[in-house]
């Protein structure tokens, strides 16, 4: 069987289809497969021999060789689905076995992952991101992570000079049951909120000084390529503190980062063990670049539509090249695509 790219996502994912079509245009076969299809709609037969897994899986009447997988692109796969007519305890056992079996075989294949699931999970910890960002030379805001109300009060007055923001540590998306969900955006903490500081004891909180912005940048690293987008967040009141609150109203334009900043962005993604990473940066009125966070699975489809930047084609190029596409050292050619 000819080499192919396995894209892990749900069937209706238009972003996954963009990458699939881009792969097909460059002559590389690609399959979009949701892990939720296993075990009810996917049949796996994998054999360990000579320190490698061989075999195949069957899906929609076609057999796919495991050894032919050149790369795996992780988008938005759903949870493994088993028969619902079993007791809950049996369902949980079957789901765990499916995850450890099918997921474990895929993890054991000698192919490129964008991104490795284990690296993506590790990279999602913001304290680690902020530490490594400083180590590679990016400017990072003073940051307090705490459940101590007294520490927050001291940080508010002594470090933030009464200009402080709060943001979540695990992303801003919260399931609300069924098709409902809740979004938590970055919020400003003023003097009036100090009376509520006892609530800080309930869990970990992240606080930073409020940084004045001229505009913001989303810098997406894909292998050795970087696609940067200027976000004119300060043009809209609703977007000034957190542009995600008005992401479909703000203006986006292709952008070129200073070479030194671009290389630090790529270095951070590599230090995190990632191939793909979407970094959010503030650009201050003085022209300084301030790192906020790196999203290992950041969305980009709407940015491609708004700016015309070749996100899907760049991802497809890396996936079709496999590990060979990442052979360049960090000091090698860095491409900023416009």
C-alpha atoms as a PDB file:
ATOM      1  CA  UNK A   1       0.000   0.000   0.000  1.00  0.00           C
ATOM      2  CA  UNK A   2       1.257   3.509  -0.795  1.00  0.00           C
ATOM      3  CA  UNK A   3       2.185   5.769   2.136  1.00  0.00           C
ATOM      4  CA  UNK A   4      -0.656   7.852   3.530  1.00  0.00           C
ATOM      5  CA  UNK A   5      -1.342  10.426   6.240  1.00  0.00           C
ATOM      6  CA  UNK A   6      -3.798   9.536   8.996  1.00  0.00           C
ATOM      7  CA  UNK A   7      -5.855  12.515  10.191  1.00  0.00           C
ATOM      8  CA  UNK A   8      -7.554  11.951  13.545  1.00  0.00           C
ATOM      9  CA  UNK A   9     -10.734  14.002  13.749  1.00  0.00           C
ATOM     10  CA  UNK A  10     -14.516  13.851  13.635  1.00  0.00           C
ATOM     11  CA  UNK A  11     -16.239  13.537  10.226  1.00  0.00           C
ATOM     12  CA  UNK A  12     -17.636  17.079  10.111  1.00  0.00           C
ATOM     13  CA  UNK A  13     -14.313  18.832  10.809  1.00  0.00           C
ATOM     14  CA  UNK A  14     -13.852  21.267   7.917  1.00  0.00           C
ATOM     15  CA  UNK A  15     -10.296  22.064   9.057  1.00  0.00           C
ATOM     16  CA  UNK A  16      -9.321  18.398   8.783  1.00  0.00           C
ATOM     17  CA  UNK A  17     -10.855  18.268   5.304  1.00  0.00           C
ATOM     18  CA  UNK A  18      -8.809  21.292   4.248  1.00  0.00           C
ATOM     19  CA  UNK A  19      -5.627  19.466   5.208  1.00  0.00           C
ATOM     20  CA  UNK A  20      -6.833  16.276   3.517  1.00  0.00           C
ATOM     21  CA  UNK A  21      -7.496  18.144   0.265  1.00  0.00           C
ATOM     22  CA  UNK A  22      -4.143  19.936   0.484  1.00  0.00           C
ATOM     23  CA  UNK A  23      -2.414  16.573   0.896  1.00  0.00           C
ATOM     24  CA  UNK A  24      -4.248  15.168  -2.092  1.00  0.00           C
ATOM     25  CA  UNK A  25      -3.226  18.176  -4.201  1.00  0.00           C
ATOM     26  CA  UNK A  26       0.425  17.466  -3.445  1.00  0.00           C
ATOM     27  CA  UNK A  27       0.001  13.801  -4.361  1.00  0.00           C
ATOM     28  CA  UNK A  28      -0.226  12.278  -0.893  1.00  0.00           C
ATOM     29  CA  UNK A  29      -3.086  10.000   0.142  1.00  0.00           C
ATOM     30  CA  UNK A  30      -4.894  10.896   3.362  1.00  0.00           C
ATOM     31  CA  UNK A  31      -7.579   9.349   5.542  1.00  0.00           C
ATOM     32  CA  UNK A  32      -9.737  11.213   8.067  1.00  0.00           C
ATOM     33  CA  UNK A  33     -10.584   8.799  10.877  1.00  0.00           C
ATOM     34  CA  UNK A  34     -12.341   9.485  14.163  1.00  0.00           C
ATOM     35  CA  UNK A  35     -11.133   7.336  17.048  1.00  0.00           C
ATOM     36  CA  UNK A  36     -14.797   7.194  18.091  1.00  0.00           C
ATOM     37  CA  UNK A  37     -15.237   4.724  15.219  1.00  0.00           C
ATOM     38  CA  UNK A  38     -13.214   2.112  17.131  1.00  0.00           C
ATOM     39  CA  UNK A  39     -14.167  -0.578  17.988  1.00  0.00           C
ATOM     40  CA  UNK A  40     -17.642  -0.595  16.450  1.00  0.00           C
ATOM     41  CA  UNK A  41     -16.763   0.557  12.909  1.00  0.00           C
ATOM     42  CA  UNK A  42     -13.019  -0.169  12.813  1.00  0.00           C
ATOM     43  CA  UNK A  43     -11.418  -3.609  13.002  1.00  0.00           C
ATOM     44  CA  UNK A  44      -7.767  -3.748  14.097  1.00  0.00           C
ATOM     45  CA  UNK A  45      -5.254  -6.567  13.750  1.00  0.00           C
ATOM     46  CA  UNK A  46      -1.744  -5.566  14.902  1.00  0.00           C
ATOM     47  CA  UNK A  47       1.159  -7.945  15.471  1.00  0.00           C
ATOM     48  CA  UNK A  48       4.381  -7.157  17.323  1.00  0.00           C
ATOM     49  CA  UNK A  49       7.422  -8.765  15.708  1.00  0.00           C
ATOM     50  CA  UNK A  50      11.089  -7.704  15.562  1.00  0.00           C
ATOM     51  CA  UNK A  51      10.422  -4.679  17.799  1.00  0.00           C
ATOM     52  CA  UNK A  52       7.822  -3.116  15.498  1.00  0.00           C
ATOM     53  CA  UNK A  53       4.078  -3.305  15.008  1.00  0.00           C
ATOM     54  CA  UNK A  54       2.682  -4.519  11.694  1.00  0.00           C
ATOM     55  CA  UNK A  55      -0.798  -5.292  10.501  1.00  0.00           C
ATOM     56  CA  UNK A  56      -3.762  -3.215   9.461  1.00  0.00           C
ATOM     57  CA  UNK A  57      -7.154  -1.819  10.326  1.00  0.00           C
ATOM     58  CA  UNK A  58     -10.321  -2.026   8.260  1.00  0.00           C
ATOM     59  CA  UNK A  59     -12.610   0.986   7.923  1.00  0.00           C
ATOM     60  CA  UNK A  60     -15.589   1.505   5.589  1.00  0.00           C
ATOM     61  CA  UNK A  61     -14.769  -1.675   3.682  1.00  0.00           C
ATOM     62  CA  UNK A  62     -11.112  -0.808   3.010  1.00  0.00           C
ATOM     63  CA  UNK A  63      -7.931  -2.141   4.610  1.00  0.00           C
ATOM     64  CA  UNK A  64      -5.213   0.305   5.721  1.00  0.00           C
ATOM     65  CA  UNK A  65      -1.704  -0.940   6.507  1.00  0.00           C
ATOM     66  CA  UNK A  66      -0.214   0.383   9.730  1.00  0.00           C
ATOM     67  CA  UNK A  67       3.285   0.372   8.239  1.00  0.00           C
ATOM     68  CA  UNK A  68       2.150   2.682   5.417  1.00  0.00           C
ATOM     69  CA  UNK A  69       1.267   5.537   7.772  1.00  0.00           C
ATOM     70  CA  UNK A  70       3.769   8.321   7.030  1.00  0.00           C
ATOM     71  CA  UNK A  71       2.379  10.858   9.495  1.00  0.00           C
ATOM     72  CA  UNK A  72      -0.483  11.292  11.952  1.00  0.00           C
ATOM     73  CA  UNK A  73      -2.217  14.665  12.259  1.00  0.00           C
ATOM     74  CA  UNK A  74      -4.181  15.109  15.487  1.00  0.00           C
ATOM     75  CA  UNK A  75      -7.084  17.505  15.069  1.00  0.00           C
ATOM     76  CA  UNK A  76     -10.252  16.880  17.087  1.00  0.00           C
ATOM     77  CA  UNK A  77     -10.758  13.124  17.555  1.00  0.00           C
ATOM     78  CA  UNK A  78     -13.689  12.093  19.704  1.00  0.00           C
ATOM     79  CA  UNK A  79     -13.750   9.608  22.553  1.00  0.00           C
ATOM     80  CA  UNK A  80     -13.814   5.893  21.763  1.00  0.00           C
ATOM     81  CA  UNK A  81     -17.411   4.691  21.457  1.00  0.00           C
ATOM     82  CA  UNK A  82     -18.521   1.243  22.633  1.00  0.00           C
ATOM     83  CA  UNK A  83     -21.944  -0.358  22.751  1.00  0.00           C
ATOM     84  CA  UNK A  84     -24.284   1.521  25.068  1.00  0.00           C
ATOM     85  CA  UNK A  85     -26.422  -1.492  25.985  1.00  0.00           C
ATOM     86  CA  UNK A  86     -23.815  -2.735  28.480  1.00  0.00           C
ATOM     87  CA  UNK A  87     -23.716  -1.704  32.169  1.00  0.00           C
ATOM     88  CA  UNK A  88     -21.746   1.491  32.821  1.00  0.00           C
ATOM     89  CA  UNK A  89     -18.874  -0.363  34.500  1.00  0.00           C
ATOM     90  CA  UNK A  90     -18.467  -2.665  31.470  1.00  0.00           C
ATOM     91  CA  UNK A  91     -18.615   0.316  29.095  1.00  0.00           C
ATOM     92  CA  UNK A  92     -15.836   2.022  31.047  1.00  0.00           C
ATOM     93  CA  UNK A  93     -13.697  -1.124  30.860  1.00  0.00           C
ATOM     94  CA  UNK A  94     -14.271  -1.466  27.103  1.00  0.00           C
ATOM     95  CA  UNK A  95     -13.482   2.203  26.475  1.00  0.00           C
ATOM     96  CA  UNK A  96     -10.245   2.007  28.430  1.00  0.00           C
ATOM     97  CA  UNK A  97      -9.201  -1.148  26.573  1.00  0.00           C
ATOM     98  CA  UNK A  98      -9.973   0.524  23.234  1.00  0.00           C
ATOM     99  CA  UNK A  99      -7.920   3.571  24.196  1.00  0.00           C
ATOM    100  CA  UNK A 100      -4.950   1.517  25.420  1.00  0.00           C
ATOM    101  CA  UNK A 101      -5.132  -0.896  22.477  1.00  0.00           C
ATOM    102  CA  UNK A 102      -5.870   1.128  19.332  1.00  0.00           C
ATOM    103  CA  UNK A 103      -4.355   4.308  20.760  1.00  0.00           C
ATOM    104  CA  UNK A 104      -1.338   2.417  22.071  1.00  0.00           C
ATOM    105  CA  UNK A 105      -0.596   0.798  18.710  1.00  0.00           C
ATOM    106  CA  UNK A 106      -0.773   4.166  16.939  1.00  0.00           C
ATOM    107  CA  UNK A 107       1.564   5.703  19.529  1.00  0.00           C
ATOM    108  CA  UNK A 108       4.057   2.897  18.890  1.00  0.00           C
ATOM    109  CA  UNK A 109       4.369   3.477  15.146  1.00  0.00           C
ATOM    110  CA  UNK A 110       7.602   4.978  13.812  1.00  0.00           C
ATOM    111  CA  UNK A 111       6.026   7.967  12.083  1.00  0.00           C
ATOM    112  CA  UNK A 112       5.677  11.725  12.481  1.00  0.00           C
ATOM    113  CA  UNK A 113       2.981  13.042  14.819  1.00  0.00           C
ATOM    114  CA  UNK A 114       1.602  16.578  14.535  1.00  0.00           C
ATOM    115  CA  UNK A 115       1.502  16.740  17.470  1.00  0.00           C
ATOM    116  CA  UNK A 116       2.569  13.843  19.646  1.00  0.00           C
ATOM    117  CA  UNK A 117      -0.281  13.329  22.110  1.00  0.00           C
ATOM    118  CA  UNK A 118       2.095  13.053  25.040  1.00  0.00           C
ATOM    119  CA  UNK A 119       4.020  16.180  24.011  1.00  0.00           C
ATOM    120  CA  UNK A 120       0.764  18.066  23.448  1.00  0.00           C
ATOM    121  CA  UNK A 121      -0.485  17.144  26.913  1.00  0.00           C
ATOM    122  CA  UNK A 122       2.795  18.263  28.499  1.00  0.00           C
ATOM    123  CA  UNK A 123       2.874  21.478  26.477  1.00  0.00           C
ATOM    124  CA  UNK A 124      -0.620  22.446  27.631  1.00  0.00           C
ATOM    125  CA  UNK A 125       0.691  23.377  31.097  1.00  0.00           C
ATOM    126  CA  UNK A 126       0.997  27.181  31.091  1.00  0.00           C
ATOM    127  CA  UNK A 127       3.588  27.335  33.902  1.00  0.00           C
ATOM    128  CA  UNK A 128       5.897  25.215  31.750  1.00  0.00           C
ATOM    129  CA  UNK A 129       5.216  27.340  28.666  1.00  0.00           C
ATOM    130  CA  UNK A 130       6.052  30.549  30.510  1.00  0.00           C
ATOM    131  CA  UNK A 131       9.284  29.140  31.962  1.00  0.00           C
ATOM    132  CA  UNK A 132      10.527  27.799  28.622  1.00  0.00           C
ATOM    133  CA  UNK A 133       9.497  30.996  26.833  1.00  0.00           C
ATOM    134  CA  UNK A 134      11.755  32.966  29.162  1.00  0.00           C
ATOM    135  CA  UNK A 135      14.558  30.467  28.646  1.00  0.00           C
ATOM    136  CA  UNK A 136      14.489  30.929  24.851  1.00  0.00           C
ATOM    137  CA  UNK A 137      14.571  34.714  25.233  1.00  0.00           C
ATOM    138  CA  UNK A 138      10.931  35.759  24.870  1.00  0.00           C
ATOM    139  CA  UNK A 139       9.636  38.478  27.144  1.00  0.00           C
ATOM    140  CA  UNK A 140       7.095  37.057  29.595  1.00  0.00           C
ATOM    141  CA  UNK A 141       4.882  39.028  32.007  1.00  0.00           C
ATOM    142  CA  UNK A 142       5.410  38.669  35.747  1.00  0.00           C
ATOM    143  CA  UNK A 143       3.052  35.844  36.666  1.00  0.00           C
ATOM    144  CA  UNK A 144       1.511  34.724  39.945  1.00  0.00           C
ATOM    145  CA  UNK A 145      -0.098  31.289  40.282  1.00  0.00           C
ATOM    146  CA  UNK A 146      -1.668  30.857  43.689  1.00  0.00           C
ATOM    147  CA  UNK A 147      -4.621  29.959  45.896  1.00  0.00           C
ATOM    148  CA  UNK A 148      -3.452  32.365  48.626  1.00  0.00           C
ATOM    149  CA  UNK A 149      -5.574  35.560  48.882  1.00  0.00           C
ATOM    150  CA  UNK A 150      -2.724  37.379  50.632  1.00  0.00           C
ATOM    151  CA  UNK A 151      -0.342  36.674  47.781  1.00  0.00           C
ATOM    152  CA  UNK A 152      -2.881  38.063  45.301  1.00  0.00           C
ATOM    153  CA  UNK A 153      -3.292  41.268  47.322  1.00  0.00           C
ATOM    154  CA  UNK A 154       0.478  41.808  47.481  1.00  0.00           C
ATOM    155  CA  UNK A 155       0.857  41.100  43.737  1.00  0.00           C
ATOM    156  CA  UNK A 156      -2.005  43.479  42.933  1.00  0.00           C
ATOM    157  CA  UNK A 157      -0.420  46.444  44.729  1.00  0.00           C
ATOM    158  CA  UNK A 158       3.320  45.789  44.622  1.00  0.00           C
ATOM    159  CA  UNK A 159       3.836  44.256  41.164  1.00  0.00           C
ATOM    160  CA  UNK A 160       0.763  45.213  39.131  1.00  0.00           C
ATOM    161  CA  UNK A 161       0.255  48.665  40.689  1.00  0.00           C
ATOM    162  CA  UNK A 162      -3.501  48.030  40.671  1.00  0.00           C
ATOM    163  CA  UNK A 163      -3.530  47.066  36.957  1.00  0.00           C
ATOM    164  CA  UNK A 164      -4.029  43.292  37.023  1.00  0.00           C
ATOM    165  CA  UNK A 165      -5.704  40.599  34.896  1.00  0.00           C
ATOM    166  CA  UNK A 166      -6.892  37.057  35.578  1.00  0.00           C
ATOM    167  CA  UNK A 167      -6.885  34.209  33.058  1.00  0.00           C
ATOM    168  CA  UNK A 168      -7.582  30.492  33.250  1.00  0.00           C
ATOM    169  CA  UNK A 169      -4.837  27.892  33.378  1.00  0.00           C
ATOM    170  CA  UNK A 170      -6.500  25.263  31.193  1.00  0.00           C
ATOM    171  CA  UNK A 171      -8.053  27.183  28.306  1.00  0.00           C
ATOM    172  CA  UNK A 172     -11.287  29.123  28.213  1.00  0.00           C
ATOM    173  CA  UNK A 173     -13.720  26.411  27.049  1.00  0.00           C
ATOM    174  CA  UNK A 174     -16.023  24.671  29.543  1.00  0.00           C
ATOM    175  CA  UNK A 175     -18.613  22.040  28.515  1.00  0.00           C
ATOM    176  CA  UNK A 176     -22.079  22.963  29.711  1.00  0.00           C
ATOM    177  CA  UNK A 177     -23.887  19.698  28.999  1.00  0.00           C
ATOM    178  CA  UNK A 178     -25.259  18.559  25.650  1.00  0.00           C
ATOM    179  CA  UNK A 179     -24.554  21.131  22.942  1.00  0.00           C
ATOM    180  CA  UNK A 180     -24.026  23.933  25.463  1.00  0.00           C
ATOM    181  CA  UNK A 181     -20.658  25.327  26.471  1.00  0.00           C
ATOM    182  CA  UNK A 182     -19.246  28.287  28.368  1.00  0.00           C
ATOM    183  CA  UNK A 183     -16.330  30.573  27.509  1.00  0.00           C
ATOM    184  CA  UNK A 184     -14.172  32.292  30.112  1.00  0.00           C
ATOM    185  CA  UNK A 185     -12.163  35.188  28.727  1.00  0.00           C
ATOM    186  CA  UNK A 186      -9.329  37.178  30.282  1.00  0.00           C
ATOM    187  CA  UNK A 187     -10.777  39.617  32.835  1.00  0.00           C
ATOM    188  CA  UNK A 188      -9.514  42.716  34.570  1.00  0.00           C
ATOM    189  CA  UNK A 189      -9.221  42.653  38.355  1.00  0.00           C
ATOM    190  CA  UNK A 190      -9.952  46.002  39.964  1.00  0.00           C
ATOM    191  CA  UNK A 191     -10.018  47.200  43.578  1.00  0.00           C
ATOM    192  CA  UNK A 192     -13.693  46.260  43.863  1.00  0.00           C
ATOM    193  CA  UNK A 193     -12.797  42.573  43.360  1.00  0.00           C
ATOM    194  CA  UNK A 194     -10.423  42.471  46.322  1.00  0.00           C
ATOM    195  CA  UNK A 195     -13.399  41.913  48.620  1.00  0.00           C
ATOM    196  CA  UNK A 196     -13.896  38.528  46.912  1.00  0.00           C
ATOM    197  CA  UNK A 197     -10.333  37.296  47.395  1.00  0.00           C
ATOM    198  CA  UNK A 198     -11.350  34.471  49.740  1.00  0.00           C
ATOM    199  CA  UNK A 199     -12.676  32.656  46.658  1.00  0.00           C
ATOM    200  CA  UNK A 200      -9.089  32.333  45.473  1.00  0.00           C
ATOM    201  CA  UNK A 201      -8.656  29.514  48.024  1.00  0.00           C
ATOM    202  CA  UNK A 202     -10.927  27.263  45.947  1.00  0.00           C
ATOM    203  CA  UNK A 203      -8.324  26.408  43.285  1.00  0.00           C
ATOM    204  CA  UNK A 204      -5.199  27.629  41.467  1.00  0.00           C
ATOM    205  CA  UNK A 205      -5.464  31.055  39.793  1.00  0.00           C
ATOM    206  CA  UNK A 206      -3.173  32.835  37.327  1.00  0.00           C
ATOM    207  CA  UNK A 207      -2.652  36.605  37.579  1.00  0.00           C
ATOM    208  CA  UNK A 208      -0.505  38.960  35.484  1.00  0.00           C
ATOM    209  CA  UNK A 209      -0.050  42.713  35.138  1.00  0.00           C
ATOM    210  CA  UNK A 210      -2.256  44.408  32.554  1.00  0.00           C
ATOM    211  CA  UNK A 211       0.020  45.171  29.576  1.00  0.00           C
ATOM    212  CA  UNK A 212      -0.736  48.062  27.239  1.00  0.00           C
ATOM    213  CA  UNK A 213      -1.205  46.902  23.652  1.00  0.00           C
ATOM    214  CA  UNK A 214      -0.727  48.467  20.246  1.00  0.00           C
ATOM    215  CA  UNK A 215      -1.995  45.277  18.592  1.00  0.00           C
ATOM    216  CA  UNK A 216      -1.502  41.520  18.919  1.00  0.00           C
ATOM    217  CA  UNK A 217       0.052  38.727  16.853  1.00  0.00           C
ATOM    218  CA  UNK A 218      -0.866  35.080  16.406  1.00  0.00           C
ATOM    219  CA  UNK A 219       2.359  33.344  15.338  1.00  0.00           C
ATOM    220  CA  UNK A 220       1.747  29.784  14.125  1.00  0.00           C
ATOM    221  CA  UNK A 221       4.811  27.564  13.917  1.00  0.00           C
ATOM    222  CA  UNK A 222       4.577  24.555  11.594  1.00  0.00           C
ATOM    223  CA  UNK A 223       7.863  22.657  11.467  1.00  0.00           C
ATOM    224  CA  UNK A 224      10.459  25.181  10.273  1.00  0.00           C
ATOM    225  CA  UNK A 225       7.833  27.568   8.878  1.00  0.00           C
ATOM    226  CA  UNK A 226       6.103  30.429  10.671  1.00  0.00           C
ATOM    227  CA  UNK A 227       2.866  32.136   9.647  1.00  0.00           C
ATOM    228  CA  UNK A 228       2.174  35.330  11.587  1.00  0.00           C
ATOM    229  CA  UNK A 229      -1.073  37.301  11.642  1.00  0.00           C
ATOM    230  CA  UNK A 230      -1.525  40.805  12.997  1.00  0.00           C
ATOM    231  CA  UNK A 231      -4.673  41.133  15.110  1.00  0.00           C
ATOM    232  CA  UNK A 232      -5.973  44.691  15.405  1.00  0.00           C
ATOM    233  CA  UNK A 233      -7.597  43.978  18.757  1.00  0.00           C
ATOM    234  CA  UNK A 234      -7.481  47.552  20.018  1.00  0.00           C
ATOM    235  CA  UNK A 235      -9.868  48.798  17.334  1.00  0.00           C
ATOM    236  CA  UNK A 236     -12.842  47.143  19.076  1.00  0.00           C
ATOM    237  CA  UNK A 237     -13.818  47.668  22.710  1.00  0.00           C
ATOM    238  CA  UNK A 238     -14.932  44.023  23.080  1.00  0.00           C
ATOM    239  CA  UNK A 239     -11.567  42.716  21.855  1.00  0.00           C
ATOM    240  CA  UNK A 240      -9.144  44.958  23.735  1.00  0.00           C
ATOM    241  CA  UNK A 241      -8.655  42.747  26.768  1.00  0.00           C
ATOM    242  CA  UNK A 242      -9.120  39.375  25.026  1.00  0.00           C
ATOM    243  CA  UNK A 243      -9.474  39.353  21.226  1.00  0.00           C
ATOM    244  CA  UNK A 244     -11.101  35.918  21.354  1.00  0.00           C
ATOM    245  CA  UNK A 245     -14.236  37.611  22.747  1.00  0.00           C
ATOM    246  CA  UNK A 246     -14.752  39.237  19.325  1.00  0.00           C
ATOM    247  CA  UNK A 247     -12.682  36.950  17.117  1.00  0.00           C
ATOM    248  CA  UNK A 248     -15.045  37.216  14.137  1.00  0.00           C
ATOM    249  CA  UNK A 249     -15.196  41.020  14.230  1.00  0.00           C
ATOM    250  CA  UNK A 250     -11.545  42.042  14.556  1.00  0.00           C
ATOM    251  CA  UNK A 251      -9.314  42.687  11.540  1.00  0.00           C
ATOM    252  CA  UNK A 252      -6.531  40.240  10.590  1.00  0.00           C
ATOM    253  CA  UNK A 253      -3.564  40.870   8.302  1.00  0.00           C
ATOM    254  CA  UNK A 254      -0.463  38.875   7.308  1.00  0.00           C
ATOM    255  CA  UNK A 255       2.499  39.986   9.399  1.00  0.00           C
ATOM    256  CA  UNK A 256       6.266  39.589   9.460  1.00  0.00           C
ATOM    257  CA  UNK A 257       7.889  39.156  12.859  1.00  0.00           C
ATOM    258  CA  UNK A 258      11.416  40.400  13.551  1.00  0.00           C
ATOM    259  CA  UNK A 259      13.811  37.551  12.779  1.00  0.00           C
ATOM    260  CA  UNK A 260      14.991  37.219  16.383  1.00  0.00           C
ATOM    261  CA  UNK A 261      11.433  36.982  17.724  1.00  0.00           C
ATOM    262  CA  UNK A 262      10.446  34.488  15.020  1.00  0.00           C
ATOM    263  CA  UNK A 263      13.384  32.218  15.851  1.00  0.00           C
ATOM    264  CA  UNK A 264      12.504  32.327  19.548  1.00  0.00           C
ATOM    265  CA  UNK A 265       8.953  31.282  18.710  1.00  0.00           C
ATOM    266  CA  UNK A 266      10.216  28.296  16.731  1.00  0.00           C
ATOM    267  CA  UNK A 267      12.679  27.442  19.496  1.00  0.00           C
ATOM    268  CA  UNK A 268       9.885  27.450  22.086  1.00  0.00           C
ATOM    269  CA  UNK A 269       7.715  25.100  20.019  1.00  0.00           C
ATOM    270  CA  UNK A 270      10.686  22.757  19.640  1.00  0.00           C
ATOM    271  CA  UNK A 271      11.496  22.918  23.373  1.00  0.00           C
ATOM    272  CA  UNK A 272       7.900  21.911  24.059  1.00  0.00           C
ATOM    273  CA  UNK A 273       8.377  18.866  21.827  1.00  0.00           C
ATOM    274  CA  UNK A 274       5.833  20.088  19.291  1.00  0.00           C
ATOM    275  CA  UNK A 275       5.737  20.339  15.502  1.00  0.00           C
ATOM    276  CA  UNK A 276       2.736  22.704  15.506  1.00  0.00           C
ATOM    277  CA  UNK A 277       2.148  25.520  17.969  1.00  0.00           C
ATOM    278  CA  UNK A 278       0.042  28.703  17.874  1.00  0.00           C
ATOM    279  CA  UNK A 279       1.647  31.460  19.958  1.00  0.00           C
ATOM    280  CA  UNK A 280      -0.144  34.588  21.125  1.00  0.00           C
ATOM    281  CA  UNK A 281       1.954  37.751  21.477  1.00  0.00           C
ATOM    282  CA  UNK A 282       1.247  41.318  22.544  1.00  0.00           C
ATOM    283  CA  UNK A 283       3.006  44.146  20.703  1.00  0.00           C
ATOM    284  CA  UNK A 284       3.320  47.149  23.023  1.00  0.00           C
ATOM    285  CA  UNK A 285       3.187  50.795  21.877  1.00  0.00           C
ATOM    286  CA  UNK A 286       7.000  50.809  22.300  1.00  0.00           C
ATOM    287  CA  UNK A 287       7.318  47.879  19.860  1.00  0.00           C
ATOM    288  CA  UNK A 288       8.180  45.157  22.409  1.00  0.00           C
ATOM    289  CA  UNK A 289       6.894  41.614  21.901  1.00  0.00           C
ATOM    290  CA  UNK A 290       5.388  39.933  24.966  1.00  0.00           C
ATOM    291  CA  UNK A 291       4.595  36.218  25.018  1.00  0.00           C
ATOM    292  CA  UNK A 292       1.225  35.159  26.443  1.00  0.00           C
ATOM    293  CA  UNK A 293       0.751  31.474  25.664  1.00  0.00           C
ATOM    294  CA  UNK A 294       1.192  28.650  23.168  1.00  0.00           C
ATOM    295  CA  UNK A 295      -1.778  26.571  22.059  1.00  0.00           C
ATOM    296  CA  UNK A 296      -0.598  23.139  20.817  1.00  0.00           C
ATOM    297  CA  UNK A 297      -3.888  22.599  18.987  1.00  0.00           C
ATOM    298  CA  UNK A 298      -4.728  26.172  18.041  1.00  0.00           C
ATOM    299  CA  UNK A 299      -7.420  26.838  15.450  1.00  0.00           C
ATOM    300  CA  UNK A 300      -6.317  28.414  12.169  1.00  0.00           C
ATOM    301  CA  UNK A 301      -8.985  27.823   9.510  1.00  0.00           C
ATOM    302  CA  UNK A 302     -10.637  31.215   9.888  1.00  0.00           C
ATOM    303  CA  UNK A 303      -7.230  32.895   9.717  1.00  0.00           C
ATOM    304  CA  UNK A 304      -6.549  31.212   6.370  1.00  0.00           C
ATOM    305  CA  UNK A 305      -9.898  32.484   5.092  1.00  0.00           C
ATOM    306  CA  UNK A 306      -9.277  36.014   6.410  1.00  0.00           C
ATOM    307  CA  UNK A 307      -5.651  36.405   5.294  1.00  0.00           C
ATOM    308  CA  UNK A 308      -5.040  33.899   2.510  1.00  0.00           C
ATOM    309  CA  UNK A 309      -2.002  32.521   4.341  1.00  0.00           C
ATOM    310  CA  UNK A 310      -1.277  28.864   3.386  1.00  0.00           C
ATOM    311  CA  UNK A 311      -1.911  27.115   6.712  1.00  0.00           C
ATOM    312  CA  UNK A 312      -3.380  23.919   5.235  1.00  0.00           C
ATOM    313  CA  UNK A 313      -0.742  23.662   2.495  1.00  0.00           C
ATOM    314  CA  UNK A 314       2.098  24.154   4.992  1.00  0.00           C
ATOM    315  CA  UNK A 315       0.733  21.505   7.350  1.00  0.00           C
ATOM    316  CA  UNK A 316       0.257  19.176   4.383  1.00  0.00           C
ATOM    317  CA  UNK A 317       3.854  19.704   3.275  1.00  0.00           C
ATOM    318  CA  UNK A 318       5.189  18.741   6.706  1.00  0.00           C
ATOM    319  CA  UNK A 319       2.873  15.740   6.959  1.00  0.00           C
ATOM    320  CA  UNK A 320       3.711  14.447   3.488  1.00  0.00           C
ATOM    321  CA  UNK A 321       7.453  14.759   4.188  1.00  0.00           C
ATOM    322  CA  UNK A 322       7.180  12.807   7.424  1.00  0.00           C
ATOM    323  CA  UNK A 323      10.146  12.940   9.761  1.00  0.00           C
ATOM    324  CA  UNK A 324      12.399  13.992   6.881  1.00  0.00           C
ATOM    325  CA  UNK A 325      10.611  17.352   6.863  1.00  0.00           C
ATOM    326  CA  UNK A 326      11.888  18.081  10.373  1.00  0.00           C
ATOM    327  CA  UNK A 327      15.514  17.273   9.678  1.00  0.00           C
ATOM    328  CA  UNK A 328      16.595  20.915   9.616  1.00  0.00           C
ATOM    329  CA  UNK A 329      18.389  22.097  12.778  1.00  0.00           C
ATOM    330  CA  UNK A 330      17.033  25.032  14.729  1.00  0.00           C
ATOM    331  CA  UNK A 331      19.680  27.332  13.250  1.00  0.00           C
ATOM    332  CA  UNK A 332      18.792  26.232   9.706  1.00  0.00           C
ATOM    333  CA  UNK A 333      16.508  28.060   7.280  1.00  0.00           C
ATOM    334  CA  UNK A 334      13.475  29.680   8.863  1.00  0.00           C
ATOM    335  CA  UNK A 335      10.644  30.518   6.480  1.00  0.00           C
ATOM    336  CA  UNK A 336       8.128  33.239   7.297  1.00  0.00           C
ATOM    337  CA  UNK A 337       5.276  32.712   4.856  1.00  0.00           C
ATOM    338  CA  UNK A 338       3.374  35.754   3.628  1.00  0.00           C
END
